[in-house]
Amino acid sequence: MISPARIPARIPATVVLLLTLTACSTPPGDSSPAQSGGAATASGSSLSRADFSHLHALVFDEQDRSLYAATHTGVWALPDPTTPPARDEAAPQRIGSGMQDTMGMALAPDGDLLASGHPGPGEAPDLATPNLGLIRSTDGAQTWESVSLGGEVDFHALAATDDSGAERIAGLDSASSTMFLSNDAGQTWDRGATIPAHDLAFLADDPDQILATTPDGVQISQDGGRSFSKLADAPLLVFVDTQASGDIVGIDTNGLVWTATPSATGWRSHGTAAGGAVEAMTTAPSPDATTNLVVATEERIMSSPDLGATWVSLVEIS
């Protein structure tokens, strides 16, 4: 793991979620023609923007088939995106009693939810600064407990993976753009590179390899987050994720979907997400192993089984 500055874990209390991503610029061209994604077919229910504000992250839990949304007003449960419901069925529900500003979210290898952000109004007054550090939920965001760095760090990007039975976590501190790395489920941390990252993803075959989207292009770490270098031939992505197959999927600021091999080579462009600027992205494997791409835009949350060629609306936001 990373050698610089070992940071002792602290354990205050609280709640929240993780992963805020911002846009970069237009992706470079590619030899494969981009498909034009059509308008999303209406299927799901609707929410008001006032209630469902500032959506920061989406996470799909394959164990309970739940889609979780991290927002400015807490964590919401959404219907399974691989089997879109009829309109007004399985309406989105806020989970738990907290109103924390959930700045992002990641799924741990054991299925727990990891998060960070800020406590809601009147919550966690004991924190030195209103930063939740790393928190964990073992019950689908109903309750949360502090793991470490409470009152110190606000992670705006988080990723987790299995490292030979150990839970490895990478988080980006929003105040310093410093990468924090843990190989013991967030109990202790090492400082890594300083990088203006928007999103993070571990490569499937090597927990030392981490992708980071930045305003200057996708960068890759080969040493567990200690250093990063520009990834040659990669498009200018803002969101990135690793599919169950190991293949990489990403999306740029124009909503164009891209894929690459598990080694982050051979980038190809696909369909486009319509409906305003993309705010969050995740992948959701179907029981038949089809990978559904799920995105949140200003207008809706929608899923695509074919990399953006067609879309089904899960939730309309107005």
Protein backbone atom coordinates (compact mmCIF):
# COMPACT_ATOMS: atom_id res chain seq x y z
CA MET A 1 0.00 0.00 0.00
CA ILE A 2 0.91 3.68 -0.03
CA SER A 3 3.77 4.68 2.20
CA PRO A 4 3.33 8.47 2.76
CA ALA A 5 1.78 9.84 5.97
CA ARG A 6 -0.18 7.18 7.82
CA ILE A 7 -3.45 8.66 9.12
CA PRO A 8 -5.05 7.31 12.29
CA ALA A 9 -8.73 6.50 11.96
CA ARG A 10 -11.23 8.29 14.18
CA ILE A 11 -14.71 7.18 14.96
CA PRO A 12 -17.41 9.80 15.51
CA ALA A 13 -21.04 9.14 14.50
CA THR A 14 -23.44 9.66 11.55
CA VAL A 15 -24.82 9.05 8.13
CA VAL A 16 -24.39 9.45 4.29
CA LEU A 17 -23.29 8.42 0.78
CA LEU A 18 -20.70 9.13 -1.88
CA LEU A 19 -19.44 10.19 -5.27
CA THR A 20 -19.96 13.61 -6.88
CA LEU A 21 -18.80 13.99 -10.40
CA THR A 22 -18.49 17.00 -12.60
CA ALA A 23 -18.08 17.45 -16.31
CA CYS A 24 -15.04 17.72 -18.52
CA SER A 25 -14.79 18.45 -22.21
CA THR A 26 -15.67 16.92 -25.56
CA PRO A 27 -14.26 13.42 -26.16
CA PRO A 28 -11.93 12.76 -29.08
CA GLY A 29 -13.18 10.98 -32.14
CA ASP A 30 -13.15 7.24 -32.58
CA SER A 31 -13.08 4.95 -35.56
CA SER A 32 -16.44 3.40 -34.64
CA PRO A 33 -19.44 5.62 -35.42
CA ALA A 34 -21.51 6.83 -32.49
CA GLN A 35 -25.11 5.72 -32.40
CA SER A 36 -27.79 8.27 -31.75
CA GLY A 37 -29.65 7.38 -28.57
CA GLY A 38 -33.37 7.96 -28.84
CA ALA A 39 -35.71 9.52 -26.30
CA ALA A 40 -36.35 7.39 -23.23
CA THR A 41 -39.53 5.32 -23.21
CA ALA A 42 -41.69 6.33 -20.23
CA SER A 43 -42.14 3.54 -17.70
CA GLY A 44 -41.54 4.62 -14.12
CA SER A 45 -42.93 7.11 -11.63
CA SER A 46 -42.09 10.76 -11.05
CA LEU A 47 -40.45 12.94 -8.40
CA SER A 48 -40.17 16.66 -7.84
CA ARG A 49 -36.76 18.27 -8.18
CA ALA A 50 -37.35 19.99 -4.82
CA ASP A 51 -37.48 16.62 -3.05
CA PHE A 52 -34.98 14.80 -5.23
CA SER A 53 -32.33 17.50 -5.44
CA HIS A 54 -28.64 17.42 -6.27
CA LEU A 55 -28.33 13.76 -7.25
CA HIS A 56 -24.69 12.88 -6.65
CA ALA A 57 -24.38 9.14 -7.21
CA LEU A 58 -26.09 5.92 -8.22
CA VAL A 59 -25.23 2.47 -6.87
CA PHE A 60 -26.80 -0.86 -7.80
CA ASP A 61 -26.76 -3.74 -5.30
CA GLU A 62 -26.97 -7.01 -7.20
CA GLN A 63 -27.77 -8.95 -4.01
CA ASP A 64 -31.09 -7.24 -3.25
CA ARG A 65 -31.67 -5.83 -6.78
CA SER A 66 -31.93 -2.29 -5.37
CA LEU A 67 -30.82 0.92 -7.02
CA TYR A 68 -29.69 3.58 -4.54
CA ALA A 69 -29.47 7.30 -5.24
CA ALA A 70 -27.33 9.66 -3.17
CA THR A 71 -28.87 13.13 -3.02
CA HIS A 72 -28.78 16.43 -1.16
CA THR A 73 -31.76 15.22 0.87
CA GLY A 74 -30.58 11.75 1.84
CA VAL A 75 -30.51 8.32 0.21
CA TRP A 76 -33.35 7.05 -1.96
CA ALA A 77 -34.27 3.51 -3.03
CA LEU A 78 -35.37 3.11 -6.65
CA PRO A 79 -36.85 0.13 -8.49
CA ASP A 80 -34.68 -2.55 -10.06
CA PRO A 81 -33.45 -0.94 -13.31
CA THR A 82 -33.16 -4.31 -15.05
CA THR A 83 -36.95 -4.86 -14.85
CA PRO A 84 -38.56 -1.42 -15.25
CA PRO A 85 -41.89 -1.18 -13.40
CA ALA A 86 -45.20 0.05 -14.74
CA ARG A 87 -45.86 3.74 -14.14
CA ASP A 88 -46.54 4.60 -10.48
CA GLU A 89 -45.43 1.17 -9.29
CA ALA A 90 -42.50 0.82 -6.87
CA ALA A 91 -42.25 4.57 -6.36
CA PRO A 92 -38.89 5.88 -5.12
CA GLN A 93 -38.63 6.07 -1.34
CA ARG A 94 -36.28 8.01 0.89
CA ILE A 95 -34.50 5.54 3.19
CA GLY A 96 -33.97 6.07 6.90
CA SER A 97 -34.67 9.20 8.88
CA GLY A 98 -31.57 11.26 8.06
CA MET A 99 -31.50 14.20 5.66
CA GLN A 100 -27.74 14.15 5.15
CA ASP A 101 -26.17 15.62 2.02
CA THR A 102 -24.98 12.38 0.49
CA MET A 103 -22.11 13.41 -1.73
CA GLY A 104 -21.51 10.06 -3.29
CA MET A 105 -21.66 6.34 -2.74
CA ALA A 106 -19.89 3.05 -3.42
CA LEU A 107 -20.67 -0.62 -2.91
CA ALA A 108 -18.21 -2.59 -0.79
CA PRO A 109 -17.19 -6.10 -1.90
CA ASP A 110 -19.37 -7.62 0.85
CA GLY A 111 -22.45 -5.66 -0.29
CA ASP A 112 -22.35 -2.94 2.36
CA LEU A 113 -22.83 0.66 1.26
CA LEU A 114 -19.98 3.12 1.75
CA ALA A 115 -20.54 6.87 1.79
CA SER A 116 -19.40 10.34 2.70
CA GLY A 117 -20.68 13.90 2.63
CA HIS A 118 -22.24 16.26 5.17
CA PRO A 119 -24.77 15.80 8.00
CA GLY A 120 -28.28 17.16 7.55
CA PRO A 121 -29.56 20.21 9.42
CA GLY A 122 -29.21 19.64 13.16
CA GLU A 123 -27.50 16.27 12.70
CA ALA A 124 -24.08 15.30 14.15
CA PRO A 125 -23.37 18.59 15.97
CA ASP A 126 -20.32 16.99 17.63
CA LEU A 127 -18.27 16.96 14.41
CA ALA A 128 -15.38 19.44 14.35
CA THR A 129 -16.26 20.26 10.74
CA PRO A 130 -19.43 19.13 8.94
CA ASN A 131 -17.71 16.26 7.12
CA LEU A 132 -18.84 12.69 7.62
CA GLY A 133 -15.59 10.99 6.67
CA LEU A 134 -16.26 7.38 5.71
CA ILE A 135 -19.53 5.82 6.87
CA ARG A 136 -20.96 2.35 6.28
CA SER A 137 -24.43 0.84 6.13
CA THR A 138 -25.08 -2.88 6.55
CA ASP A 139 -28.86 -2.63 6.08
CA GLY A 140 -29.40 -0.93 2.72
CA ALA A 141 -29.01 2.69 3.96
CA GLN A 142 -31.57 2.37 6.75
CA THR A 143 -28.88 3.14 9.34
CA TRP A 144 -25.26 4.23 9.15
CA GLU A 145 -22.24 4.11 11.41
CA SER A 146 -19.04 6.11 11.22
CA VAL A 147 -15.94 4.19 10.22
CA SER A 148 -13.22 6.85 10.21
CA LEU A 149 -12.22 10.46 9.43
CA GLY A 150 -15.47 11.94 10.74
CA GLY A 151 -15.19 15.72 11.11
CA GLU A 152 -12.10 15.66 8.87
CA VAL A 153 -12.70 14.47 5.31
CA ASP A 154 -15.47 14.81 2.72
CA PHE A 155 -14.97 12.22 -0.03
CA HIS A 156 -16.50 13.33 -3.32
CA ALA A 157 -15.46 10.16 -5.13
CA LEU A 158 -15.19 6.65 -3.77
CA ALA A 159 -14.44 3.19 -5.16
CA ALA A 160 -13.98 -0.19 -3.48
CA THR A 161 -12.71 -3.60 -4.52
CA ASP A 162 -11.55 -6.93 -3.14
CA ASP A 163 -7.80 -7.39 -2.69
CA SER A 164 -7.18 -11.06 -1.88
CA GLY A 165 -9.88 -11.01 0.79
CA ALA A 166 -9.12 -7.51 2.05
CA GLU A 167 -11.44 -4.60 1.31
CA ARG A 168 -9.52 -1.90 -0.55
CA ILE A 169 -11.05 1.59 -0.76
CA ALA A 170 -9.98 4.66 -2.71
CA GLY A 171 -11.49 8.03 -1.87
CA LEU A 172 -10.85 11.55 -3.11
CA ASP A 173 -10.82 14.30 -0.49
CA SER A 174 -12.81 17.23 -1.88
CA ALA A 175 -10.83 19.88 0.02
CA SER A 176 -7.34 18.87 -1.08
CA SER A 177 -7.90 16.63 -4.14
CA THR A 178 -5.77 14.08 -2.31
CA MET A 179 -6.32 10.39 -2.90
CA PHE A 180 -6.85 8.43 0.32
CA LEU A 181 -6.22 4.67 0.22
CA SER A 182 -7.23 2.00 2.70
CA ASN A 183 -6.62 -1.74 2.61
CA ASP A 184 -8.54 -2.55 5.79
CA ALA A 185 -12.11 -1.44 5.00
CA GLY A 186 -11.44 2.17 5.94
CA GLN A 187 -10.05 1.65 9.43
CA THR A 188 -6.72 3.26 8.51
CA TRP A 189 -5.63 5.33 5.54
CA ASP A 190 -2.57 6.28 3.49
CA ARG A 191 -2.27 9.42 1.39
CA GLY A 192 -1.70 8.94 -2.32
CA ALA A 193 -1.51 11.27 -5.30
CA THR A 194 -3.07 14.70 -5.58
CA ILE A 195 -5.34 14.64 -8.62
CA PRO A 196 -8.41 16.68 -9.71
CA ALA A 197 -10.52 13.56 -10.21
CA HIS A 198 -14.28 13.44 -10.79
CA ASP A 199 -14.80 9.67 -10.71
CA LEU A 200 -12.79 6.59 -9.75
CA ALA A 201 -12.91 2.93 -10.75
CA PHE A 202 -10.67 -0.04 -9.96
CA LEU A 203 -9.77 -2.29 -12.88
CA ALA A 204 -11.23 -5.75 -12.40
CA ASP A 205 -8.02 -7.76 -12.71
CA ASP A 206 -5.66 -5.68 -10.57
CA PRO A 207 -6.56 -3.69 -7.41
CA ASP A 208 -3.41 -1.60 -7.89
CA GLN A 209 -4.83 -0.17 -11.12
CA ILE A 210 -7.26 2.73 -10.68
CA LEU A 211 -8.88 4.88 -13.36
CA ALA A 212 -9.64 8.53 -12.62
CA THR A 213 -11.57 10.92 -14.84
CA THR A 214 -10.15 14.45 -14.84
CA PRO A 215 -10.66 17.67 -16.84
CA ASP A 216 -7.50 16.77 -18.80
CA GLY A 217 -8.57 13.24 -19.64
CA VAL A 218 -8.67 9.78 -18.10
CA GLN A 219 -5.65 8.96 -15.96
CA ILE A 220 -4.51 5.60 -14.63
CA SER A 221 -2.59 4.55 -11.54
CA GLN A 222 -0.49 1.40 -11.68
CA ASP A 223 0.60 1.60 -8.03
CA GLY A 224 -2.56 1.70 -5.97
CA GLY A 225 -3.12 5.45 -6.21
CA ARG A 226 0.40 6.65 -5.37
CA SER A 227 0.80 8.22 -8.82
CA PHE A 228 -1.23 8.69 -12.00
CA SER A 229 -0.42 9.17 -15.68
CA LYS A 230 -2.57 9.99 -18.69
CA LEU A 231 -4.21 6.98 -20.32
CA ALA A 232 -3.33 7.01 -24.01
CA ASP A 233 -6.17 7.02 -26.56
CA ALA A 234 -8.90 7.25 -23.92
CA PRO A 235 -11.87 9.58 -24.55
CA LEU A 236 -12.47 12.55 -22.28
CA LEU A 237 -14.83 10.90 -19.80
CA VAL A 238 -16.55 12.29 -16.72
CA PHE A 239 -17.97 8.97 -15.41
CA VAL A 240 -16.33 5.55 -15.45
CA ASP A 241 -17.24 2.12 -14.11
CA THR A 242 -16.17 -1.51 -14.40
CA GLN A 243 -18.77 -3.99 -15.65
CA ALA A 244 -19.23 -7.49 -14.23
CA SER A 245 -17.38 -8.83 -17.27
CA GLY A 246 -14.38 -6.66 -16.45
CA ASP A 247 -15.00 -4.40 -19.44
CA ILE A 248 -14.94 -0.67 -18.76
CA VAL A 249 -17.84 1.65 -19.51
CA GLY A 250 -17.84 5.43 -19.34
CA ILE A 251 -19.78 8.47 -20.39
CA ASP A 252 -18.66 11.92 -21.47
CA THR A 253 -20.18 15.36 -20.92
CA ASN A 254 -22.23 15.08 -24.12
CA GLY A 255 -23.83 11.88 -22.82
CA LEU A 256 -21.92 9.68 -25.27
CA VAL A 257 -21.32 6.14 -23.99
CA TRP A 258 -17.88 4.54 -24.37
CA THR A 259 -16.54 1.06 -23.64
CA ALA A 260 -13.07 -0.48 -23.42
CA THR A 261 -11.47 -3.84 -22.70
CA PRO A 262 -10.62 -4.83 -19.09
CA SER A 263 -7.12 -3.44 -19.70
CA ALA A 264 -8.55 -0.02 -20.65
CA THR A 265 -7.70 -0.29 -24.34
CA GLY A 266 -9.77 -0.46 -27.54
CA TRP A 267 -12.20 2.36 -26.75
CA ARG A 268 -15.45 2.34 -28.74
CA SER A 269 -18.31 4.84 -28.83
CA HIS A 270 -21.97 3.78 -28.65
CA GLY A 271 -25.30 5.52 -27.98
CA THR A 272 -26.11 8.78 -26.24
CA ALA A 273 -28.08 9.61 -23.12
CA ALA A 274 -30.67 12.28 -23.87
CA GLY A 275 -32.50 14.44 -21.32
CA GLY A 276 -30.05 17.06 -20.12
CA ALA A 277 -26.65 16.92 -18.47
CA VAL A 278 -25.71 13.57 -16.94
CA GLU A 279 -25.38 13.77 -13.14
CA ALA A 280 -24.49 10.17 -12.23
CA MET A 281 -23.90 6.74 -13.78
CA THR A 282 -23.71 3.11 -12.72
CA THR A 283 -24.09 -0.37 -14.19
CA ALA A 284 -26.69 -2.99 -13.23
CA PRO A 285 -26.31 -6.63 -14.33
CA SER A 286 -29.54 -8.44 -15.17
CA PRO A 287 -30.14 -12.00 -13.93
CA ASP A 288 -29.40 -13.14 -17.50
CA ALA A 289 -25.99 -11.35 -17.32
CA THR A 290 -27.02 -8.46 -19.58
CA THR A 291 -25.41 -5.26 -18.32
CA ASN A 292 -27.78 -2.33 -18.02
CA LEU A 293 -26.33 1.17 -18.02
CA VAL A 294 -28.16 3.47 -15.59
CA VAL A 295 -27.79 7.24 -15.74
CA ALA A 296 -29.34 10.20 -13.98
CA THR A 297 -29.88 13.40 -15.96
CA GLU A 298 -31.56 16.68 -15.11
CA GLU A 299 -34.88 15.25 -16.35
CA ARG A 300 -34.92 11.55 -15.41
CA ILE A 301 -33.21 8.41 -14.23
CA MET A 302 -33.14 5.87 -17.05
CA SER A 303 -31.62 2.56 -18.04
CA SER A 304 -30.30 1.10 -21.27
CA PRO A 305 -29.64 -2.60 -22.02
CA ASP A 306 -27.69 -1.78 -25.19
CA LEU A 307 -25.11 0.87 -24.28
CA GLY A 308 -27.33 3.82 -25.03
CA ALA A 309 -29.03 2.75 -28.27
CA THR A 310 -32.38 2.65 -26.43
CA TRP A 311 -33.48 3.92 -23.02
CA VAL A 312 -36.32 3.28 -20.56
CA SER A 313 -37.23 5.96 -18.02
CA LEU A 314 -37.30 4.70 -14.44
CA VAL A 315 -38.10 8.02 -12.75
CA GLU A 316 -39.13 11.34 -14.25
CA ILE A 317 -37.82 14.43 -12.41
CA SER A 318 -39.70 17.68 -12.73
